[in-house]
Amino acid sequence: MNKRGQIVVEYVLLLTIAVGLSALLIKQLASRNADEPGILVSKWHNILRVVAEDVPDKRK
């Protein structure tokens, strides 16, 4: 009976750690804060800016 309770406690602890890590990753990668954007958001913004600056008729 004691083993069953320990399994539940371990499961809850692992679930808490997984949710915490997921929240941290989402905050660092996909944050839409204007002052400190996430890595993915800032890279996507750079890609959009490069595409927008492309002039099709201009030759290099």
C-alpha atoms as a PDB file:
ATOM      1  CA  MET A   1       0.000   0.000   0.000  1.00  0.00           C
ATOM      2  CA  ASN A   2       2.897   2.384   0.774  1.00  0.00           C
ATOM      3  CA  LYS A   3       4.416   1.805  -2.658  1.00  0.00           C
ATOM      4  CA  ARG A   4       1.226   2.936  -4.391  1.00  0.00           C
ATOM      5  CA  GLY A   5       1.248   6.277  -2.562  1.00  0.00           C
ATOM      6  CA  GLN A   6       4.911   6.803  -3.402  1.00  0.00           C
ATOM      7  CA  ILE A   7       4.201   6.253  -7.107  1.00  0.00           C
ATOM      8  CA  VAL A   8       1.481   8.913  -7.014  1.00  0.00           C
ATOM      9  CA  VAL A   9       3.789  11.394  -5.270  1.00  0.00           C
ATOM     10  CA  GLU A  10       6.586  10.747  -7.779  1.00  0.00           C
ATOM     11  CA  TYR A  11       4.159  11.148 -10.680  1.00  0.00           C
ATOM     12  CA  VAL A  12       2.902  14.487  -9.325  1.00  0.00           C
ATOM     13  CA  LEU A  13       6.478  15.722  -8.803  1.00  0.00           C
ATOM     14  CA  LEU A  14       7.494  14.729 -12.337  1.00  0.00           C
ATOM     15  CA  LEU A  15       4.375  16.382 -13.743  1.00  0.00           C
ATOM     16  CA  THR A  16       5.144  19.583 -11.817  1.00  0.00           C
ATOM     17  CA  ILE A  17       8.723  19.640 -13.099  1.00  0.00           C
ATOM     18  CA  ALA A  18       7.572  19.017 -16.693  1.00  0.00           C
ATOM     19  CA  VAL A  19       4.994  21.810 -16.550  1.00  0.00           C
ATOM     20  CA  GLY A  20       7.530  24.202 -15.025  1.00  0.00           C
ATOM     21  CA  LEU A  21      10.129  23.469 -17.702  1.00  0.00           C
ATOM     22  CA  SER A  22       7.524  23.827 -20.441  1.00  0.00           C
ATOM     23  CA  ALA A  23       6.437  27.225 -19.121  1.00  0.00           C
ATOM     24  CA  LEU A  24      10.050  28.380 -18.947  1.00  0.00           C
ATOM     25  CA  LEU A  25      10.768  27.233 -22.513  1.00  0.00           C
ATOM     26  CA  ILE A  26       7.655  28.907 -23.864  1.00  0.00           C
ATOM     27  CA  LYS A  27       8.553  32.134 -22.090  1.00  0.00           C
ATOM     28  CA  GLN A  28      12.099  32.124 -23.488  1.00  0.00           C
ATOM     29  CA  LEU A  29      11.262  30.960 -27.011  1.00  0.00           C
ATOM     30  CA  ALA A  30       7.913  32.475 -27.894  1.00  0.00           C
ATOM     31  CA  SER A  31       7.532  35.548 -25.707  1.00  0.00           C
ATOM     32  CA  ARG A  32       5.830  38.429 -27.522  1.00  0.00           C
ATOM     33  CA  ASN A  33       7.076  41.080 -25.094  1.00  0.00           C
ATOM     34  CA  ALA A  34       8.169  44.119 -27.117  1.00  0.00           C
ATOM     35  CA  ASP A  35      11.163  44.827 -24.852  1.00  0.00           C
ATOM     36  CA  GLU A  36      12.490  41.258 -24.726  1.00  0.00           C
ATOM     37  CA  PRO A  37      10.976  39.105 -27.479  1.00  0.00           C
ATOM     38  CA  GLY A  38      11.510  35.374 -27.467  1.00  0.00           C
ATOM     39  CA  ILE A  39      14.112  33.773 -29.685  1.00  0.00           C
ATOM     40  CA  LEU A  40      11.609  32.401 -32.208  1.00  0.00           C
ATOM     41  CA  VAL A  41       9.658  35.649 -32.381  1.00  0.00           C
ATOM     42  CA  SER A  42      12.770  37.756 -32.952  1.00  0.00           C
ATOM     43  CA  LYS A  43      14.106  35.398 -35.646  1.00  0.00           C
ATOM     44  CA  TRP A  44      10.723  35.356 -37.385  1.00  0.00           C
ATOM     45  CA  HIS A  45      10.652  39.163 -37.299  1.00  0.00           C
ATOM     46  CA  ASN A  46      14.109  39.257 -38.914  1.00  0.00           C
ATOM     47  CA  ILE A  47      12.998  36.867 -41.665  1.00  0.00           C
ATOM     48  CA  LEU A  48       9.913  38.972 -42.380  1.00  0.00           C
ATOM     49  CA  ARG A  49      12.011  42.145 -42.524  1.00  0.00           C
ATOM     50  CA  VAL A  50      14.459  40.580 -45.014  1.00  0.00           C
ATOM     51  CA  VAL A  51      11.605  39.355 -47.213  1.00  0.00           C
ATOM     52  CA  ALA A  52       9.898  42.771 -47.077  1.00  0.00           C
ATOM     53  CA  GLU A  53      13.103  44.559 -48.129  1.00  0.00           C
ATOM     54  CA  ASP A  54      13.504  42.363 -51.208  1.00  0.00           C
ATOM     55  CA  VAL A  55      12.812  44.251 -54.415  1.00  0.00           C
ATOM     56  CA  PRO A  56      12.199  41.826 -57.281  1.00  0.00           C
ATOM     57  CA  ASP A  57      13.264  44.206 -60.072  1.00  0.00           C
ATOM     58  CA  LYS A  58      16.517  45.227 -58.435  1.00  0.00           C
ATOM     59  CA  ARG A  59      19.612  43.394 -59.694  1.00  0.00           C
ATOM     60  CA  LYS A  60      22.756  42.939 -57.647  1.00  0.00           C
END
